Amino acid sequence: MAIVGMTDRWVSGVAAKDGKRTEYRDKKVRGLLLRVTPKGEKSWAVLYRRSSDGKRRRYTIGSYPEFSLQEARKKALDITARVAREEDPAGEKQERRKAESFEELAMRWLERHAKVKKRSWREDEKRLAHDLLPCIGGMKAAEVTKRDIIRAIDIVADRGALYQANRVLTLARTIYNWALAEDLLDVNPTLGIRKRIDEKPRERVLSDAEIECLWNGLDRARMTEGIRLIIRLALLTGQRIGEICGIRKSEIDLNNGVWELPGARTKNGRSHRVPLSGPAMALLKRARELSGGSPFLFPSPKHGQSINPQAPSRALNRAKDVIGVKDVRIHDLRRTVTSGMARLGVAREVISKVLNHVSGDNGITGRVYDRYSYDDEKRQALQEWGDYVMKITGAASKEEKHAGK
């Protein structure tokens, strides 16, 4: 086994010798070695010998480039320090892996990572319970194979849910990548598994006739009034459905006609002001009447929570036949607002501000001096769009008749 003064450039370019798996020792950090396969795969490990029993042990750090040379050296020093304290890192790791099932690993990921960093963690929890845990939940996490993962996603694909199968694969891959980064596992069995369908960006935009069918058809659909309000607000404001579902009463200023979205609830982490058109104000006032004592405008039946963002999507999907618009999804509404305002002559930059897209200026100007964020222009654009929706749906004439009585 060759001893090498490793550098980043050397690690990047080194290959196996004579078409056989080759291991190289690091000259700088004792015990650290790099294994290179004929296929070019590279992984780090530490060799050590405990003084108490004299047994030689191997601790696998992980693959390259997931672990850089600097990171591998740091990890190797940590391992050798533990060995000096008469610990057995490889043995402890092996015992831990033998004991942990995939379900236990997944729950650990859910609590430590998903719930902390992902707003959509509830959907991950549901996919786990419905599609992954029934297949591999009881298996040891370290013993799950590529074939096991394929079997799990094929069960989903076989019921015709190809896009859902892709989501299940992504979820499994995310969990195993996290386990690798946390040094809980050495291998990710999802590597090399292909998605069950190639996904193309959806470009669906509703026509004026479809907007009319959707708006008025909601009254015939079997769904709560709160969900009807959410869907109509999405069509009037162009905001993301999750942001609408989670509206707190404290975010809405009905006196000044503004919805103040805190950065903690936006996709890009930036606070966002949404000027409210007259039609949007009317919907929000009704939502406030229905919400009772909840701090949320659209409370969930579960105490202290807002409605699940998936509820409007599921309700709309169930109501397609009644509404009369077969091919419609919730996110199509945001795209429809964008297209509709463009047809009304709203400038692209203003539309971008309405949608809270991040502009190219991410410096101090974009973050501080641009706090104004085109409020007047956004208000005018959203009012024009709201009036247009009222006109094509007939809602404006209905309001006029109601006012004249």
Foldseek 3Di string as FASTA:
>chain_A
DAEDCDDQVCLVPDADPPQAWDKYHYPPAAQWIWIAHSVGWIFIWGWDAAPVPRDIDIGTQATPPVPGPVNSRVVNVVVVVCSVVVDDVRVVLVVLQVPAFVLNLLVVCLVPPCVVPPPCSVVLVVCCVPQPCVQGRRHRPQPQALVSLVVRLVVVVVVVNQVVSQVSLVSLQVSVVVCSVVVNYHDRRSPPDDRSDDDDDDQDADDLVLLLLQLVLVVVAPDDVLLNLLLVLCLLQLEDLQQSQFQFPVQADLVQQWGWAQLVRDPVSHIAIARHAPVNSVSQVVLCVVPPPARGSACDPPPNHTDDSCVSQVRCQVSCVSSVNNDDGSNSSSSNLLVVLVVVVQDPQLNCNSHVHQDPDPDPCSRPVCPVSPVVSNNVSSNVSNVVSCVSNVVVVVVVVVVVD
